[in-house]
N, C-alpha and C. Protein backbone atom coordinates (compact mmCIF):
# COMPACT_ATOMS: atom_id res chain seq x y z
N UNK A 1 -84.86 16.71 41.44
CA UNK A 1 -84.93 16.62 40.00
C UNK A 1 -84.89 18.01 39.36
N UNK A 2 -85.57 18.97 39.99
CA UNK A 2 -85.57 20.31 39.39
C UNK A 2 -84.19 20.95 39.47
N UNK A 3 -83.36 20.57 40.46
CA UNK A 3 -82.02 21.12 40.55
C UNK A 3 -81.12 20.60 39.43
N UNK A 4 -81.29 19.34 39.09
CA UNK A 4 -80.52 18.77 37.98
C UNK A 4 -80.90 19.45 36.68
N UNK A 5 -82.18 19.69 36.49
CA UNK A 5 -82.65 20.39 35.29
C UNK A 5 -82.08 21.80 35.24
N UNK A 6 -82.09 22.49 36.35
CA UNK A 6 -81.55 23.85 36.43
C UNK A 6 -80.05 23.86 36.14
N UNK A 7 -79.31 22.90 36.67
CA UNK A 7 -77.86 22.80 36.43
C UNK A 7 -77.59 22.53 34.96
N UNK A 8 -78.38 21.67 34.34
CA UNK A 8 -78.20 21.39 32.91
C UNK A 8 -78.46 22.63 32.06
N UNK A 9 -79.47 23.40 32.41
CA UNK A 9 -79.75 24.64 31.67
C UNK A 9 -78.60 25.62 31.81
N UNK A 10 -78.10 25.80 33.01
CA UNK A 10 -76.99 26.73 33.24
C UNK A 10 -75.74 26.25 32.51
N UNK A 11 -75.45 24.97 32.57
CA UNK A 11 -74.27 24.43 31.89
C UNK A 11 -74.38 24.60 30.38
N UNK A 12 -75.54 24.33 29.83
CA UNK A 12 -75.76 24.49 28.39
C UNK A 12 -75.59 25.94 27.98
N UNK A 13 -76.16 26.84 28.76
CA UNK A 13 -76.03 28.27 28.46
C UNK A 13 -74.57 28.71 28.53
N UNK A 14 -73.86 28.26 29.54
CA UNK A 14 -72.46 28.63 29.70
C UNK A 14 -71.62 28.13 28.54
N UNK A 15 -71.83 26.89 28.14
CA UNK A 15 -71.07 26.34 27.02
C UNK A 15 -71.39 27.06 25.72
N UNK A 16 -72.63 27.46 25.54
CA UNK A 16 -73.01 28.20 24.34
C UNK A 16 -72.31 29.55 24.30
N UNK A 17 -72.30 30.24 25.41
CA UNK A 17 -71.64 31.55 25.47
C UNK A 17 -70.14 31.41 25.24
N UNK A 18 -69.51 30.44 25.89
CA UNK A 18 -68.08 30.24 25.74
C UNK A 18 -67.70 29.86 24.31
N UNK A 19 -68.48 29.02 23.68
CA UNK A 19 -68.15 28.60 22.32
C UNK A 19 -68.35 29.74 21.32
N UNK A 20 -69.30 30.60 21.56
CA UNK A 20 -69.52 31.72 20.65
C UNK A 20 -68.45 32.80 20.82
N UNK A 21 -67.90 32.92 22.01
CA UNK A 21 -66.87 33.93 22.26
C UNK A 21 -65.48 33.45 21.90
N UNK A 22 -65.27 32.16 21.84
CA UNK A 22 -63.91 31.65 21.62
C UNK A 22 -63.38 32.00 20.24
N UNK A 23 -64.23 32.20 19.26
CA UNK A 23 -63.77 32.56 17.92
C UNK A 23 -63.27 34.00 17.86
N UNK A 24 -63.68 34.82 18.80
CA UNK A 24 -63.32 36.22 18.79
C UNK A 24 -62.07 36.53 19.62
N UNK A 25 -61.53 35.54 20.28
CA UNK A 25 -60.36 35.74 21.12
C UNK A 25 -59.14 35.91 20.23
N UNK A 26 -58.40 36.99 20.47
CA UNK A 26 -57.19 37.25 19.71
C UNK A 26 -56.01 37.15 20.66
N UNK A 27 -55.08 36.32 20.32
CA UNK A 27 -53.91 36.16 21.17
C UNK A 27 -52.83 37.13 20.75
N UNK A 28 -52.19 37.69 21.74
CA UNK A 28 -51.09 38.60 21.49
C UNK A 28 -49.79 37.79 21.60
N UNK A 29 -49.46 37.11 20.54
CA UNK A 29 -48.29 36.25 20.54
C UNK A 29 -47.42 36.63 19.34
N UNK A 30 -46.42 37.48 19.54
CA UNK A 30 -45.60 37.95 18.43
C UNK A 30 -44.87 36.84 17.70
N UNK A 31 -44.49 35.77 18.40
CA UNK A 31 -43.79 34.67 17.74
C UNK A 31 -44.70 34.01 16.71
N UNK A 32 -45.93 33.72 17.10
CA UNK A 32 -46.87 33.11 16.16
C UNK A 32 -47.23 34.06 15.03
N UNK A 33 -47.37 35.34 15.35
CA UNK A 33 -47.66 36.32 14.31
C UNK A 33 -46.50 36.41 13.32
N UNK A 34 -45.28 36.34 13.83
CA UNK A 34 -44.10 36.39 12.96
C UNK A 34 -44.05 35.15 12.06
N UNK A 35 -44.28 33.98 12.64
CA UNK A 35 -44.27 32.75 11.85
C UNK A 35 -45.37 32.75 10.80
N UNK A 36 -46.55 33.21 11.17
CA UNK A 36 -47.66 33.27 10.22
C UNK A 36 -47.34 34.25 9.09
N UNK A 37 -46.75 35.36 9.43
CA UNK A 37 -46.37 36.35 8.42
C UNK A 37 -45.35 35.77 7.45
N UNK A 38 -44.39 35.02 7.96
CA UNK A 38 -43.39 34.39 7.09
C UNK A 38 -44.03 33.36 6.16
N UNK A 39 -45.03 32.64 6.66
CA UNK A 39 -45.73 31.68 5.80
C UNK A 39 -46.49 32.38 4.69
N UNK A 40 -47.10 33.52 5.04
CA UNK A 40 -47.90 34.25 4.05
C UNK A 40 -47.05 35.05 3.09
N UNK A 41 -45.83 35.42 3.50
CA UNK A 41 -44.95 36.25 2.67
C UNK A 41 -43.56 35.64 2.57
N UNK A 42 -43.44 34.46 1.98
CA UNK A 42 -42.11 33.83 1.94
C UNK A 42 -41.11 34.59 1.08
N UNK A 43 -41.59 35.33 0.11
CA UNK A 43 -40.69 36.06 -0.78
C UNK A 43 -40.34 37.46 -0.26
N UNK A 44 -41.08 37.92 0.74
CA UNK A 44 -40.85 39.28 1.25
C UNK A 44 -40.87 39.25 2.77
N UNK A 45 -39.77 38.83 3.37
CA UNK A 45 -39.72 38.71 4.82
C UNK A 45 -39.58 40.08 5.51
N UNK A 46 -39.32 41.12 4.75
CA UNK A 46 -39.20 42.46 5.34
C UNK A 46 -40.54 42.92 5.93
N UNK A 47 -41.65 42.43 5.39
CA UNK A 47 -42.96 42.78 5.93
C UNK A 47 -43.10 42.29 7.36
N UNK A 48 -42.35 41.27 7.72
CA UNK A 48 -42.50 40.62 9.01
C UNK A 48 -41.55 41.16 10.08
N UNK A 49 -40.75 42.13 9.74
CA UNK A 49 -39.75 42.66 10.69
C UNK A 49 -40.40 43.23 11.95
N UNK A 50 -41.57 43.82 11.81
CA UNK A 50 -42.26 44.38 12.98
C UNK A 50 -42.54 43.29 13.99
N UNK A 51 -43.05 42.15 13.52
CA UNK A 51 -43.35 41.04 14.41
C UNK A 51 -42.08 40.46 15.01
N UNK A 52 -41.03 40.41 14.21
CA UNK A 52 -39.76 39.88 14.69
C UNK A 52 -39.20 40.75 15.81
N UNK A 53 -39.22 42.06 15.60
CA UNK A 53 -38.72 42.99 16.62
C UNK A 53 -39.54 42.89 17.91
N UNK A 54 -40.86 42.82 17.77
CA UNK A 54 -41.73 42.71 18.94
C UNK A 54 -41.45 41.41 19.68
N UNK A 55 -41.27 40.33 18.92
CA UNK A 55 -40.98 39.03 19.53
C UNK A 55 -39.66 39.08 20.29
N UNK A 56 -38.63 39.66 19.71
CA UNK A 56 -37.33 39.72 20.37
C UNK A 56 -37.39 40.59 21.63
N UNK A 57 -38.09 41.69 21.56
CA UNK A 57 -38.22 42.56 22.74
C UNK A 57 -38.95 41.85 23.87
N UNK A 58 -40.02 41.15 23.54
CA UNK A 58 -40.77 40.44 24.57
C UNK A 58 -39.93 39.30 25.15
N UNK A 59 -39.20 38.60 24.30
CA UNK A 59 -38.34 37.51 24.78
C UNK A 59 -37.29 38.04 25.74
N UNK A 60 -36.65 39.15 25.38
CA UNK A 60 -35.62 39.72 26.25
C UNK A 60 -36.20 40.23 27.56
N UNK A 61 -37.37 40.83 27.53
CA UNK A 61 -37.96 41.33 28.77
C UNK A 61 -38.35 40.18 29.69
N UNK A 62 -38.87 39.10 29.13
CA UNK A 62 -39.21 37.94 29.96
C UNK A 62 -37.96 37.26 30.49
N UNK A 63 -36.93 37.20 29.67
CA UNK A 63 -35.68 36.59 30.11
C UNK A 63 -35.07 37.40 31.25
N UNK A 64 -35.09 38.72 31.11
CA UNK A 64 -34.54 39.58 32.16
C UNK A 64 -35.35 39.46 33.45
N UNK A 65 -36.66 39.40 33.33
CA UNK A 65 -37.51 39.25 34.51
C UNK A 65 -37.26 37.92 35.18
N UNK A 66 -37.06 36.88 34.39
CA UNK A 66 -36.77 35.56 34.95
C UNK A 66 -35.45 35.59 35.71
N UNK A 67 -34.47 36.21 35.12
CA UNK A 67 -33.16 36.26 35.76
C UNK A 67 -33.20 37.09 37.04
N UNK A 68 -33.94 38.17 37.04
CA UNK A 68 -34.06 38.97 38.27
C UNK A 68 -34.74 38.16 39.35
N UNK A 69 -35.77 37.40 38.97
CA UNK A 69 -36.50 36.60 39.93
C UNK A 69 -35.68 35.44 40.44
N UNK A 70 -34.78 34.92 39.59
CA UNK A 70 -33.96 33.79 39.99
C UNK A 70 -32.76 34.24 40.83
N UNK A 71 -32.51 35.54 40.86
CA UNK A 71 -31.42 36.06 41.65
C UNK A 71 -30.06 36.00 40.95
N UNK A 72 -30.08 35.74 39.64
CA UNK A 72 -28.82 35.71 38.89
C UNK A 72 -28.38 37.13 38.57
N UNK A 73 -27.11 37.35 38.62
CA UNK A 73 -26.54 38.67 38.27
C UNK A 73 -25.91 38.58 36.89
N UNK A 74 -26.67 38.89 35.87
CA UNK A 74 -26.14 38.85 34.51
C UNK A 74 -25.96 40.25 34.00
């Protein structure tokens, strides 16, 4: 019985810590940042060019890595 109680305390503590930290997690996702910027600035898309460039660079680097791993000669 005391082991079940101990497991419940640890689980509750873990869930509390995880839920409090989840709000502070920042994702590095240029595509989402670019889309969010476009939503916030529909009349001035030039503000979002930084996110667009970062997104394109990351896309190309992942595509190139995928092709190298797949053995394709492009």
